[in-house]
């Protein structure tokens, strides 16, 4: 490779910038996953209080929602009067 060694390549500015960008992207994905898990956890606790114990299937489908939908559910559950309202919401938005 034109006399370049692996050390030459890995110590280059381009390599360091690419590696740094990859780390930042990985951190951002990890933060987003953590935020979604936290939102799901709080929402599930509130739903259990509002609607009673949730089935495993319902819990799993809520945990699979993307963060924007979890946020919508967290707001909508304030108007729920029971498990039927939750099921209707999930049918419409899940």
PDB file of N, CA and C in Angstrom:
ATOM      1  N   UNK A   1       0.837  -1.190   0.000  1.00  0.00           N
ATOM      2  CA  UNK A   1       0.000   0.000   0.000  1.00  0.00           C
ATOM      3  C   UNK A   1       0.875   1.244   0.000  1.00  0.00           C
ATOM      4  N   UNK A   2       1.796   1.355  -0.924  1.00  0.00           N
ATOM      5  CA  UNK A   2       2.600   2.551  -1.083  1.00  0.00           C
ATOM      6  C   UNK A   2       3.498   2.861   0.102  1.00  0.00           C
ATOM      7  N   UNK A   3       3.923   1.879   0.860  1.00  0.00           N
ATOM      8  CA  UNK A   3       4.824   2.115   1.973  1.00  0.00           C
ATOM      9  C   UNK A   3       4.133   2.550   3.256  1.00  0.00           C
ATOM     10  N   UNK A   4       2.803   2.652   3.266  1.00  0.00           N
ATOM     11  CA  UNK A   4       2.086   3.015   4.498  1.00  0.00           C
ATOM     12  C   UNK A   4       1.943   1.792   5.393  1.00  0.00           C
ATOM     13  N   UNK A   5       2.188   2.000   6.629  1.00  0.00           N
ATOM     14  CA  UNK A   5       1.990   0.921   7.598  1.00  0.00           C
ATOM     15  C   UNK A   5       0.636   1.090   8.253  1.00  0.00           C
ATOM     16  N   UNK A   6       0.212   0.076   8.969  1.00  0.00           N
ATOM     17  CA  UNK A   6      -1.055   0.164   9.708  1.00  0.00           C
ATOM     18  C   UNK A   6      -0.999   1.286  10.732  1.00  0.00           C
ATOM     19  N   UNK A   7       0.140   1.457  11.360  1.00  0.00           N
ATOM     20  CA  UNK A   7       0.285   2.558  12.329  1.00  0.00           C
ATOM     21  C   UNK A   7       0.138   3.914  11.651  1.00  0.00           C
ATOM     22  N   UNK A   8       0.726   4.050  10.453  1.00  0.00           N
ATOM     23  CA  UNK A   8       0.571   5.307   9.707  1.00  0.00           C
ATOM     24  C   UNK A   8      -0.899   5.582   9.425  1.00  0.00           C
ATOM     25  N   UNK A   9      -1.603   4.560   9.004  1.00  0.00           N
ATOM     26  CA  UNK A   9      -3.016   4.715   8.651  1.00  0.00           C
ATOM     27  C   UNK A   9      -3.858   5.064   9.875  1.00  0.00           C
ATOM     28  N   UNK A  10      -3.695   4.324  10.963  1.00  0.00           N
ATOM     29  CA  UNK A  10      -4.535   4.535  12.146  1.00  0.00           C
ATOM     30  C   UNK A  10      -4.205   5.820  12.883  1.00  0.00           C
ATOM     31  N   UNK A  11      -3.050   6.380  12.638  1.00  0.00           N
ATOM     32  CA  UNK A  11      -2.724   7.647  13.299  1.00  0.00           C
ATOM     33  C   UNK A  11      -3.040   8.850  12.409  1.00  0.00           C
ATOM     34  N   UNK A  12      -3.594   8.607  11.231  1.00  0.00           N
ATOM     35  CA  UNK A  12      -3.922   9.710  10.332  1.00  0.00           C
ATOM     36  C   UNK A  12      -5.128  10.488  10.855  1.00  0.00           C
ATOM     37  N   UNK A  13      -5.188  11.724  10.436  1.00  0.00           N
ATOM     38  CA  UNK A  13      -6.291  12.602  10.848  1.00  0.00           C
ATOM     39  C   UNK A  13      -7.642  12.062  10.354  1.00  0.00           C
ATOM     40  N   UNK A  14      -7.682  11.601   9.119  1.00  0.00           N
ATOM     41  CA  UNK A  14      -8.932  11.071   8.555  1.00  0.00           C
ATOM     42  C   UNK A  14      -9.434   9.879   9.364  1.00  0.00           C
ATOM     43  N   UNK A  15      -8.536   8.978   9.703  1.00  0.00           N
ATOM     44  CA  UNK A  15      -8.926   7.802  10.491  1.00  0.00           C
ATOM     45  C   UNK A  15      -9.493   8.233  11.845  1.00  0.00           C
ATOM     46  N   UNK A  16      -8.817   9.156  12.509  1.00  0.00           N
ATOM     47  CA  UNK A  16      -9.281   9.611  13.834  1.00  0.00           C
ATOM     48  C   UNK A  16     -10.655  10.275  13.735  1.00  0.00           C
ATOM     49  N   UNK A  17     -10.879  11.077  12.699  1.00  0.00           N
ATOM     50  CA  UNK A  17     -12.169  11.738  12.535  1.00  0.00           C
ATOM     51  C   UNK A  17     -13.281  10.734  12.259  1.00  0.00           C
ATOM     52  N   UNK A  18     -13.007   9.772  11.402  1.00  0.00           N
ATOM     53  CA  UNK A  18     -14.004   8.737  11.100  1.00  0.00           C
ATOM     54  C   UNK A  18     -14.325   7.938  12.361  1.00  0.00           C
ATOM     55  N   UNK A  19     -13.309   7.566  13.099  1.00  0.00           N
ATOM     56  CA  UNK A  19     -13.509   6.789  14.319  1.00  0.00           C
ATOM     57  C   UNK A  19     -14.308   7.587  15.338  1.00  0.00           C
ATOM     58  N   UNK A  20     -13.988   8.867  15.479  1.00  0.00           N
ATOM     59  CA  UNK A  20     -14.692   9.737  16.427  1.00  0.00           C
ATOM     60  C   UNK A  20     -16.165   9.871  16.038  1.00  0.00           C
ATOM     61  N   UNK A  21     -16.448  10.019  14.744  1.00  0.00           N
ATOM     62  CA  UNK A  21     -17.832  10.116  14.274  1.00  0.00           C
ATOM     63  C   UNK A  21     -18.587   8.819  14.552  1.00  0.00           C
ATOM     64  N   UNK A  22     -17.927   7.702  14.366  1.00  0.00           N
ATOM     65  CA  UNK A  22     -18.561   6.419  14.651  1.00  0.00           C
ATOM     66  C   UNK A  22     -18.904   6.272  16.122  1.00  0.00           C
ATOM     67  N   UNK A  23     -17.998   6.712  16.987  1.00  0.00           N
ATOM     68  CA  UNK A  23     -18.265   6.654  18.427  1.00  0.00           C
ATOM     69  C   UNK A  23     -19.438   7.550  18.785  1.00  0.00           C
ATOM     70  N   UNK A  24     -19.469   8.760  18.219  1.00  0.00           N
ATOM     71  CA  UNK A  24     -20.559   9.695  18.513  1.00  0.00           C
ATOM     72  C   UNK A  24     -21.899   9.135  18.061  1.00  0.00           C
ATOM     73  N   UNK A  25     -21.925   8.507  16.893  1.00  0.00           N
ATOM     74  CA  UNK A  25     -23.173   7.926  16.389  1.00  0.00           C
ATOM     75  C   UNK A  25     -23.628   6.791  17.298  1.00  0.00           C
ATOM     76  N   UNK A  26     -22.692   5.968  17.761  1.00  0.00           N
ATOM     77  CA  UNK A  26     -23.031   4.879  18.670  1.00  0.00           C
ATOM     78  C   UNK A  26     -23.568   5.394  19.989  1.00  0.00           C
ATOM     79  N   UNK A  27     -22.970   6.461  20.503  1.00  0.00           N
ATOM     80  CA  UNK A  27     -23.448   7.062  21.745  1.00  0.00           C
ATOM     81  C   UNK A  27     -24.855   7.617  21.571  1.00  0.00           C
ATOM     82  N   UNK A  28     -25.104   8.274  20.450  1.00  0.00           N
ATOM     83  CA  UNK A  28     -26.433   8.842  20.197  1.00  0.00           C
ATOM     84  C   UNK A  28     -27.491   7.749  20.128  1.00  0.00           C
ATOM     85  N   UNK A  29     -27.159   6.624  19.459  1.00  0.00           N
ATOM     86  CA  UNK A  29     -28.114   5.512  19.394  1.00  0.00           C
ATOM     87  C   UNK A  29     -28.367   4.949  20.781  1.00  0.00           C
ATOM     88  N   UNK A  30     -27.332   4.823  21.576  1.00  0.00           N
ATOM     89  CA  UNK A  30     -27.487   4.318  22.931  1.00  0.00           C
ATOM     90  C   UNK A  30     -28.340   5.234  23.793  1.00  0.00           C
ATOM     91  N   UNK A  31     -28.125   6.525  23.652  1.00  0.00           N
ATOM     92  CA  UNK A  31     -28.924   7.492  24.401  1.00  0.00           C
ATOM     93  C   UNK A  31     -30.390   7.420  23.982  1.00  0.00           C
ATOM     94  N   UNK A  32     -30.643   7.303  22.694  1.00  0.00           N
ATOM     95  CA  UNK A  32     -32.027   7.221  22.208  1.00  0.00           C
ATOM     96  C   UNK A  32     -32.713   5.966  22.731  1.00  0.00           C
ATOM     97  N   UNK A  33     -31.988   4.832  22.727  1.00  0.00           N
ATOM     98  CA  UNK A  33     -32.570   3.593  23.259  1.00  0.00           C
ATOM     99  C   UNK A  33     -32.861   3.731  24.744  1.00  0.00           C
ATOM    100  N   UNK A  34     -31.946   4.352  25.478  1.00  0.00           N
ATOM    101  CA  UNK A  34     -32.157   4.544  26.906  1.00  0.00           C
ATOM    102  C   UNK A  34     -33.337   5.457  27.191  1.00  0.00           C
ATOM    103  N   UNK A  35     -33.464   6.502  26.408  1.00  0.00           N
ATOM    104  CA  UNK A  35     -34.591   7.427  26.572  1.00  0.00           C
ATOM    105  C   UNK A  35     -35.915   6.719  26.298  1.00  0.00           C
ATOM    106  N   UNK A  36     -35.948   5.907  25.243  1.00  0.00           N
ATOM    107  CA  UNK A  36     -37.174   5.179  24.907  1.00  0.00           C
ATOM    108  C   UNK A  36     -37.523   4.174  26.007  1.00  0.00           C
ATOM    109  N   UNK A  37     -36.505   3.477  26.549  1.00  0.00           N
ATOM    110  CA  UNK A  37     -36.769   2.528  27.633  1.00  0.00           C
ATOM    111  C   UNK A  37     -37.314   3.227  28.862  1.00  0.00           C
ATOM    112  N   UNK A  38     -36.751   4.387  29.176  1.00  0.00           N
ATOM    113  CA  UNK A  38     -37.231   5.150  30.328  1.00  0.00           C
ATOM    114  C   UNK A  38     -38.658   5.616  30.131  1.00  0.00           C
ATOM    115  N   UNK A  39     -38.949   6.116  28.948  1.00  0.00           N
ATOM    116  CA  UNK A  39     -40.309   6.570  28.634  1.00  0.00           C
ATOM    117  C   UNK A  39     -41.284   5.408  28.716  1.00  0.00           C
ATOM    118  N   UNK A  40     -40.897   4.257  28.178  1.00  0.00           N
ATOM    119  CA  UNK A  40     -41.765   3.078  28.217  1.00  0.00           C
ATOM    120  C   UNK A  40     -42.001   2.638  29.660  1.00  0.00           C
ATOM    121  N   UNK A  41     -40.968   2.681  30.480  1.00  0.00           N
ATOM    122  CA  UNK A  41     -41.097   2.257  31.871  1.00  0.00           C
ATOM    123  C   UNK A  41     -42.094   3.130  32.636  1.00  0.00           C
ATOM    124  N   UNK A  42     -41.959   4.425  32.489  1.00  0.00           N
ATOM    125  CA  UNK A  42     -42.876   5.355  33.176  1.00  0.00           C
ATOM    126  C   UNK A  42     -44.292   5.184  32.638  1.00  0.00           C
ATOM    127  N   UNK A  43     -44.416   5.101  31.329  1.00  0.00           N
ATOM    128  CA  UNK A  43     -45.738   4.953  30.712  1.00  0.00           C
ATOM    129  C   UNK A  43     -46.405   3.660  31.158  1.00  0.00           C
ATOM    130  N   UNK A  44     -45.654   2.582  31.211  1.00  0.00           N
ATOM    131  CA  UNK A  44     -46.220   1.298  31.663  1.00  0.00           C
ATOM    132  C   UNK A  44     -46.677   1.367  33.119  1.00  0.00           C
ATOM    133  N   UNK A  45     -45.904   2.014  33.964  1.00  0.00           N
ATOM    134  CA  UNK A  45     -46.331   2.159  35.374  1.00  0.00           C
ATOM    135  C   UNK A  45     -47.626   2.952  35.463  1.00  0.00           C
ATOM    136  N   UNK A  46     -47.733   4.024  34.699  1.00  0.00           N
ATOM    137  CA  UNK A  46     -48.946   4.836  34.715  1.00  0.00           C
ATOM    138  C   UNK A  46     -50.132   4.057  34.156  1.00  0.00           C
ATOM    139  N   UNK A  47     -49.888   3.296  33.087  1.00  0.00           N
ATOM    140  CA  UNK A  47     -50.967   2.504  32.499  1.00  0.00           C
ATOM    141  C   UNK A  47     -51.439   1.413  33.458  1.00  0.00           C
ATOM    142  N   UNK A  48     -50.518   0.772  34.165  1.00  0.00           N
ATOM    143  CA  UNK A  48     -50.911  -0.234  35.155  1.00  0.00           C
ATOM    144  C   UNK A  48     -51.784   0.379  36.241  1.00  0.00           C
ATOM    145  N   UNK A  49     -51.486   1.580  36.603  1.00  0.00           N
ATOM    146  CA  UNK A  49     -52.295   2.261  37.629  1.00  0.00           C
ATOM    147  C   UNK A  49     -53.666   2.666  37.068  1.00  0.00           C
ATOM    148  N   UNK A  50     -53.678   3.138  35.823  1.00  0.00           N
ATOM    149  CA  UNK A  50     -54.924   3.628  35.221  1.00  0.00           C
ATOM    150  C   UNK A  50     -55.810   2.488  34.714  1.00  0.00           C
ATOM    151  N   UNK A  51     -55.196   1.456  34.136  1.00  0.00           N
ATOM    152  CA  UNK A  51     -55.950   0.416  33.432  1.00  0.00           C
ATOM    153  C   UNK A  51     -55.909  -0.945  34.126  1.00  0.00           C
ATOM    154  N   UNK A  52     -55.136  -1.078  35.166  1.00  0.00           N
ATOM    155  CA  UNK A  52     -54.973  -2.373  35.805  1.00  0.00           C
ATOM    156  C   UNK A  52     -53.811  -3.120  35.183  1.00  0.00           C
ATOM    157  N   UNK A  53     -53.526  -4.312  35.694  1.00  0.00           N
ATOM    158  CA  UNK A  53     -52.388  -5.083  35.175  1.00  0.00           C
ATOM    159  C   UNK A  53     -52.520  -5.326  33.670  1.00  0.00           C
ATOM    160  N   UNK A  54     -51.422  -5.111  32.967  1.00  0.00           N
ATOM    161  CA  UNK A  54     -51.412  -5.290  31.516  1.00  0.00           C
ATOM    162  C   UNK A  54     -50.920  -6.681  31.164  1.00  0.00           C
ATOM    163  N   UNK A  55     -51.437  -7.202  30.070  1.00  0.00           N
ATOM    164  CA  UNK A  55     -50.972  -8.511  29.600  1.00  0.00           C
ATOM    165  C   UNK A  55     -49.544  -8.387  29.081  1.00  0.00           C
ATOM    166  N   UNK A  56     -48.891  -9.509  28.984  1.00  0.00           N
ATOM    167  CA  UNK A  56     -47.531  -9.535  28.444  1.00  0.00           C
ATOM    168  C   UNK A  56     -47.516  -9.029  27.009  1.00  0.00           C
ATOM    169  N   UNK A  57     -48.512  -9.408  26.229  1.00  0.00           N
ATOM    170  CA  UNK A  57     -48.585  -8.967  24.825  1.00  0.00           C
ATOM    171  C   UNK A  57     -48.734  -7.451  24.739  1.00  0.00           C
ATOM    172  N   UNK A  58     -49.578  -6.881  25.588  1.00  0.00           N
ATOM    173  CA  UNK A  58     -49.773  -5.427  25.585  1.00  0.00           C
ATOM    174  C   UNK A  58     -48.490  -4.728  26.009  1.00  0.00           C
ATOM    175  N   UNK A  59     -47.862  -5.230  27.051  1.00  0.00           N
ATOM    176  CA  UNK A  59     -46.606  -4.645  27.524  1.00  0.00           C
ATOM    177  C   UNK A  59     -45.548  -4.684  26.429  1.00  0.00           C
ATOM    178  N   UNK A  60     -45.441  -5.812  25.751  1.00  0.00           N
ATOM    179  CA  UNK A  60     -44.458  -5.964  24.681  1.00  0.00           C
ATOM    180  C   UNK A  60     -44.737  -4.997  23.541  1.00  0.00           C
ATOM    181  N   UNK A  61     -45.999  -4.835  23.175  1.00  0.00           N
ATOM    182  CA  UNK A  61     -46.312  -3.926  22.062  1.00  0.00           C
ATOM    183  C   UNK A  61     -46.032  -2.474  22.444  1.00  0.00           C
ATOM    184  N   UNK A  62     -46.231  -2.126  23.702  1.00  0.00           N
ATOM    185  CA  UNK A  62     -45.938  -0.763  24.152  1.00  0.00           C
ATOM    186  C   UNK A  62     -44.423  -0.535  24.159  1.00  0.00           C
ATOM    187  N   UNK A  63     -43.679  -1.514  24.620  1.00  0.00           N
ATOM    188  CA  UNK A  63     -42.222  -1.389  24.642  1.00  0.00           C
ATOM    189  C   UNK A  63     -41.637  -1.286  23.240  1.00  0.00           C
ATOM    190  N   UNK A  64     -42.336  -1.788  22.241  1.00  0.00           N
ATOM    191  CA  UNK A  64     -41.856  -1.749  20.862  1.00  0.00           C
ATOM    192  C   UNK A  64     -42.185  -0.435  20.149  1.00  0.00           C
ATOM    193  N   UNK A  65     -42.993   0.412  20.771  1.00  0.00           N
ATOM    194  CA  UNK A  65     -43.357   1.672  20.132  1.00  0.00           C
ATOM    195  C   UNK A  65     -42.143   2.583  20.025  1.00  0.00           C
ATOM    196  N   UNK A  66     -42.035   3.315  18.923  1.00  0.00           N
ATOM    197  CA  UNK A  66     -40.958   4.309  18.824  1.00  0.00           C
ATOM    198  C   UNK A  66     -41.228   5.464  19.797  1.00  0.00           C
ATOM    199  N   UNK A  67     -40.180   6.158  20.175  1.00  0.00           N
ATOM    200  CA  UNK A  67     -40.281   7.211  21.178  1.00  0.00           C
ATOM    201  C   UNK A  67     -41.397   8.224  20.904  1.00  0.00           C
ATOM    202  N   UNK A  68     -41.559   8.745  19.688  1.00  0.00           N
ATOM    203  CA  UNK A  68     -42.647   9.714  19.481  1.00  0.00           C
ATOM    204  C   UNK A  68     -44.031   9.147  19.815  1.00  0.00           C
ATOM    205  N   UNK A  69     -44.268   7.869  19.494  1.00  0.00           N
ATOM    206  CA  UNK A  69     -45.566   7.268  19.823  1.00  0.00           C
ATOM    207  C   UNK A  69     -45.702   7.029  21.320  1.00  0.00           C
ATOM    208  N   UNK A  70     -44.601   6.658  21.975  1.00  0.00           N
ATOM    209  CA  UNK A  70     -44.644   6.502  23.440  1.00  0.00           C
ATOM    210  C   UNK A  70     -45.021   7.813  24.105  1.00  0.00           C
ATOM    211  N   UNK A  71     -44.468   8.897  23.594  1.00  0.00           N
ATOM    212  CA  UNK A  71     -44.793  10.214  24.147  1.00  0.00           C
ATOM    213  C   UNK A  71     -46.269  10.544  23.940  1.00  0.00           C
ATOM    214  N   UNK A  72     -46.802  10.201  22.763  1.00  0.00           N
ATOM    215  CA  UNK A  72     -48.238  10.410  22.521  1.00  0.00           C
ATOM    216  C   UNK A  72     -49.085   9.567  23.474  1.00  0.00           C
ATOM    217  N   UNK A  73     -48.682   8.331  23.675  1.00  0.00           N
ATOM    218  CA  UNK A  73     -49.407   7.448  24.587  1.00  0.00           C
ATOM    219  C   UNK A  73     -49.360   7.984  26.012  1.00  0.00           C
ATOM    220  N   UNK A  74     -48.214   8.484  26.427  1.00  0.00           N
ATOM    221  CA  UNK A  74     -48.075   9.028  27.782  1.00  0.00           C
ATOM    222  C   UNK A  74     -49.047  10.188  28.014  1.00  0.00           C
ATOM    223  N   UNK A  75     -49.286  10.970  26.985  1.00  0.00           N
ATOM    224  CA  UNK A  75     -50.262  12.060  27.104  1.00  0.00           C
ATOM    225  C   UNK A  75     -51.691  11.536  27.027  1.00  0.00           C
ATOM    226  N   UNK A  76     -51.932  10.626  26.097  1.00  0.00           N
ATOM    227  CA  UNK A  76     -53.291  10.120  25.894  1.00  0.00           C
ATOM    228  C   UNK A  76     -53.807   9.355  27.109  1.00  0.00           C
ATOM    229  N   UNK A  77     -52.929   8.661  27.815  1.00  0.00           N
ATOM    230  CA  UNK A  77     -53.394   7.829  28.928  1.00  0.00           C
ATOM    231  C   UNK A  77     -54.044   8.647  30.039  1.00  0.00           C
ATOM    232  N   UNK A  78     -53.772   9.939  30.056  1.00  0.00           N
ATOM    233  CA  UNK A  78     -54.403  10.790  31.067  1.00  0.00           C
ATOM    234  C   UNK A  78     -55.912  10.851  30.879  1.00  0.00           C
ATOM    235  N   UNK A  79     -56.388  10.577  29.671  1.00  0.00           N
ATOM    236  CA  UNK A  79     -57.819  10.596  29.382  1.00  0.00           C
ATOM    237  C   UNK A  79     -58.450   9.209  29.437  1.00  0.00           C
ATOM    238  N   UNK A  80     -57.644   8.154  29.614  1.00  0.00           N
ATOM    239  CA  UNK A  80     -58.170   6.792  29.644  1.00  0.00           C
ATOM    240  C   UNK A  80     -58.984   6.567  30.916  1.00  0.00           C
ATOM    241  N   UNK A  81     -60.049   5.778  30.763  1.00  0.00           N
ATOM    242  CA  UNK A  81     -60.845   5.395  31.933  1.00  0.00           C
ATOM    243  C   UNK A  81     -60.706   3.911  32.245  1.00  0.00           C
ATOM    244  N   UNK A  82     -60.018   3.173  31.362  1.00  0.00           N
ATOM    245  CA  UNK A  82     -59.835   1.744  31.588  1.00  0.00           C
ATOM    246  C   UNK A  82     -59.093   1.092  30.448  1.00  0.00           C
ATOM    247  N   UNK A  83     -58.977  -0.233  30.523  1.00  0.00           N
ATOM    248  CA  UNK A  83     -58.199  -0.961  29.522  1.00  0.00           C
ATOM    249  C   UNK A  83     -58.758  -0.878  28.109  1.00  0.00           C
ATOM    250  N   UNK A  84     -60.056  -0.662  27.964  1.00  0.00           N
ATOM    251  CA  UNK A  84     -60.640  -0.552  26.626  1.00  0.00           C
ATOM    252  C   UNK A  84     -60.079   0.662  25.898  1.00  0.00           C
ATOM    253  N   UNK A  85     -59.928   1.770  26.614  1.00  0.00           N
ATOM    254  CA  UNK A  85     -59.355   2.969  25.997  1.00  0.00           C
ATOM    255  C   UNK A  85     -57.929   2.714  25.518  1.00  0.00           C
ATOM    256  N   UNK A  86     -57.161   1.989  26.310  1.00  0.00           N
ATOM    257  CA  UNK A  86     -55.799   1.644  25.905  1.00  0.00           C
ATOM    258  C   UNK A  86     -55.803   0.792  24.650  1.00  0.00           C
ATOM    259  N   UNK A  87     -56.655  -0.211  24.603  1.00  0.00           N
ATOM    260  CA  UNK A  87     -56.702  -1.088  23.445  1.00  0.00           C
ATOM    261  C   UNK A  87     -57.120  -0.339  22.181  1.00  0.00           C
ATOM    262  N   UNK A  88     -58.076   0.562  22.310  1.00  0.00           N
ATOM    263  CA  UNK A  88     -58.498   1.371  21.171  1.00  0.00           C
ATOM    264  C   UNK A  88     -57.335   2.234  20.691  1.00  0.00           C
ATOM    265  N   UNK A  89     -56.613   2.839  21.631  1.00  0.00           N
ATOM    266  CA  UNK A  89     -55.474   3.678  21.255  1.00  0.00           C
ATOM    267  C   UNK A  89     -54.412   2.856  20.537  1.00  0.00           C
ATOM    268  N   UNK A  90     -54.093   1.689  21.082  1.00  0.00           N
ATOM    269  CA  UNK A  90     -53.086   0.832  20.446  1.00  0.00           C
ATOM    270  C   UNK A  90     -53.532   0.369  19.059  1.00  0.00           C
ATOM    271  N   UNK A  91     -54.819   0.064  18.908  1.00  0.00           N
ATOM    272  CA  UNK A  91     -55.323  -0.332  17.589  1.00  0.00           C
ATOM    273  C   UNK A  91     -55.175   0.801  16.576  1.00  0.00           C
ATOM    274  N   UNK A  92     -55.355   2.026  17.041  1.00  0.00           N
ATOM    275  CA  UNK A  92     -55.280   3.180  16.134  1.00  0.00           C
ATOM    276  C   UNK A  92     -53.849   3.651  15.882  1.00  0.00           C
ATOM    277  N   UNK A  93     -52.964   3.492  16.873  1.00  0.00           N
ATOM    278  CA  UNK A  93     -51.618   4.077  16.784  1.00  0.00           C
ATOM    279  C   UNK A  93     -50.487   3.050  16.822  1.00  0.00           C
ATOM    280  N   UNK A  94     -50.775   1.832  17.219  1.00  0.00           N
ATOM    281  CA  UNK A  94     -49.704   0.844  17.415  1.00  0.00           C
ATOM    282  C   UNK A  94     -49.323   0.165  16.187  1.00  0.00           C
TER     283      UNK A  94
END
